[in-house]
Amino acid sequence: MRYFLSDNSLKIHVDNPRSERPQVKDVPELLVLRADQIKMVVEATFRKMIGKEFKSQTLCVDIVLRSLGRFLKWSKLEELPRTFGEWQFFVSQWALWHISNRDSSMTLDGRCGVWNSTIRPWIEFLVDEDHIPLGILIPNFKLPKQVVANSSKPLIAASAPKSTYKGSVKKLDNTLAGPIFWKADVEYLDEFLAQLKEKDCVLGETLDDYWFRLVADFRKGKQMTKLVSDAEFMLRRERNDWKERLSPGLSRKTVVTAPTHPNGAAWTLRIIGHFLAVGQDLNCIGPHALRAHPAFNSNFARVMPSINPFIDATHLHSHQIAHTSGYHIVMRFLGILSSLDIAVAIAIIIREHPHLNPESLAGAKLLCARGKYYLLPQGDGSAPIFSVNKPRARSRKYCELSQRSARVLRHILRATHPVRELMKRAGVPQWRYLFLGIVTESRTWKLGHPVSINAGVFHRSSGSTLLNYYPNLADHGLQPGTLSHARIRNTQGVLSWFEEGSISACATKLGNTEEVSMKNYIPESLLNAWNERIIRRFQNTLLILAAANEDYLLNVVDLKTPADLNQFIAQLIFESRPDDSPIAKKIHELFGDRYMFCLPHDTRDLTRNGLLYVRLSRESLAILIGYKHWALGNLSNSQLLIKDKASGKSPADFVKLTEMIQALVVMQNPSESFREAHDIARLKRVYTEAELLVPSISERFNSLAISVG
């Protein structure tokens, strides 16, 4: 960090490790002070920020120094206090002004947090440095913590939380909980889960399609480059002769990269590839540098006809080409990544490994300063291990890459290798970062590492964006403003909560504690609906026991049809044993024989329906898990209910079976009687092994289909 002070400006330069240039912060608010006091304040801030992350340094400048300057302007002070009493009054007034400033849009909780975490430690540091008298009292604002936050991290395509009581409702005032309104149509949680799965599935297919087309263009570019031999290229380069007469009857020669040349595209890729291999300037393959070279026309990549061979060869659709610049189309065949390419790669990895947060992935390094790789192959041939730094947690996050993520990173490594070597030769330290490609600086394109990848690359109104490339996303509720890396990550955590019914599963998926997951990631409306479902289940259980032999049983419970009632009672019997509780014992006495339910130690006929044996092998469990993911991602709700004529089973039956097994796996502290009937320890061990086989088995389901008739 360094600063430049003049009569009318104070500019602070903060070195950004992800950029060649420092970030410049203009702080005119402090100019009300004398030059010596400005020097004292700024240099003390620099000393406090030694060893801190770039983001922490910029926040200190933005929050502390600007807040100090604005308070000085508000209080009409032109110098800092001198005596103990003046400093005590100054700090107290600054604290009161900070939490009551009408110009700030922050909440009271946010203002108190900023004061306690940033401004107060800064003042304490100045006390330690003897710039402020020892012994002054610095306010410490502490607000009571909420058990559950009023807001949570947004999900993909999620708008404001919807009310649970939407649509046609009926009032039930015949339960222990008093008047509670339940939806009479589709359950809110089921509806929300179905929509979330659909959006996530559509997004996953879109990301895969984008990546397939990107890699296909890169491979096509490799094939095209081979059409120009090294000998022919070196001969033209030595002679500096880049023009050729296309036919004997023509008097005018044409550059070899012209679209009318038979191998114009091959020559273009071969020449640009040579610039990458020997260049030492990050702008060596920029549009202006290429057009200035004698091998290229002055309109190269400026108008679409100048790159017609690439347009004909690309795997992009026509409407996608219309949203892509000619220069970026050519770079696709060389493997040079654009900001959208990098954003899609990060999105794919986050969907596969949501415990890696977006900012850590965007700033991931391939090698450390000592040359150690952060992408490590395993000796047994398993998937490689990848790690990223998470500064806020002061640790590194590790993951064993899934097959999809491994394929993405393999392409990233081979595509960025030429750029990485060029940056090494140019002496740019950012060459160690994983993601390298075309970056924009002062409205010019050059090679380097993107300082930031924001959600704009997904949904800007113009240019190369995911929504412009795939307009069908909007048809599934993924409109502009609903897509970001953070939303994609949060969605995976909520889906795991739905899938396994456990807060701990969500916390494990996101790499957070259970408290943080429940407070910040699961929407409050979902938690409320989940709690309502638990209350509803308990109420219906008591009502069924009270009116078991009455004709009006269906009228008093909150269930629509006899089929719903039978399913609910069967589920109660299946999930409990008679000795679990007095309620469970009564349920088994009243309905056990009706639903032909028997336990392993019962002397009744074990061949009767109602008893299920599951083979605890990792292969069978992996097939069940893989089939569940395939069915929920590829079948509609009506298709899930289609029964096979031979077995009488539907896809939904196997999905429910898998969910039941997953619920057993995540069960915490099962009762002794429950452990006697279920081998939980063995099930958990085999289930962990089965999860490792799911990616390979899932590929076999791609050819499956379901038919009616």
Foldseek 3Di string as FASTA:
>chain_A
DDWDDDQQWIWDFQDALQDPGTDIDIQRLLNLEDPVVVVVLVVLLVVVCVPPHSVLSVCLCVPASNLVSVVCVVVVHSYQDDDQVSNLVVQVVSLVCQQPPPVDPDDSVVSLVCCQPHHVVSVVSCCVVVVHPPDRDHDRDDDDDDLFAQWFFAAFLDDPDDFQQDDDWDWAQPFPVGTDIHDPDDGPVVVVLLLLLQLLLVLLVLLVVVVVLLVQLQVVLVVLLVVDDPVNVVVCVVVVPQWDDQDPVDPDTDGCLFPVHPSNLNVVSNVLLVCLQPPQDQCCPWLVNVCPRPNDPVCQQVDVNRPVVLVVPGPADPLLVVQAGSSVSSLSNLLFDDLLLLQSLLLNQCLVQVLQASVQLLQFFQADPVGDGQWAQDPVRFATKHWTDDVVVPDIDIDRDDPVNSVSLVSLCVSCVSVLVSCVSNVSVQSRGSHWHWDADPNTTGIRRDSDRWCCQAAPPGHNHSCSRPVCSVVSSNHPPSDTSSNSSLSSLVSQCVLQVDLVSSCVRNVHDSSCCSRHRHGPSVVVSVVVVVVLLVRLLVLCLVCVPPPCSVVNHSDDDVVRVVVSLLVLQLVDDLPPDVSNVSSCVRCVVVVVADAPPDPDDPVDPHDDDDDLALQVLLLLVLLLSCCSSPPDPVQQPDADPVPRDGVVVSNVVNSVLSNLQPDDPDDPVVCVRDVNVSSNVSPVVSVSCNSVSNVVCPPDDDDDD
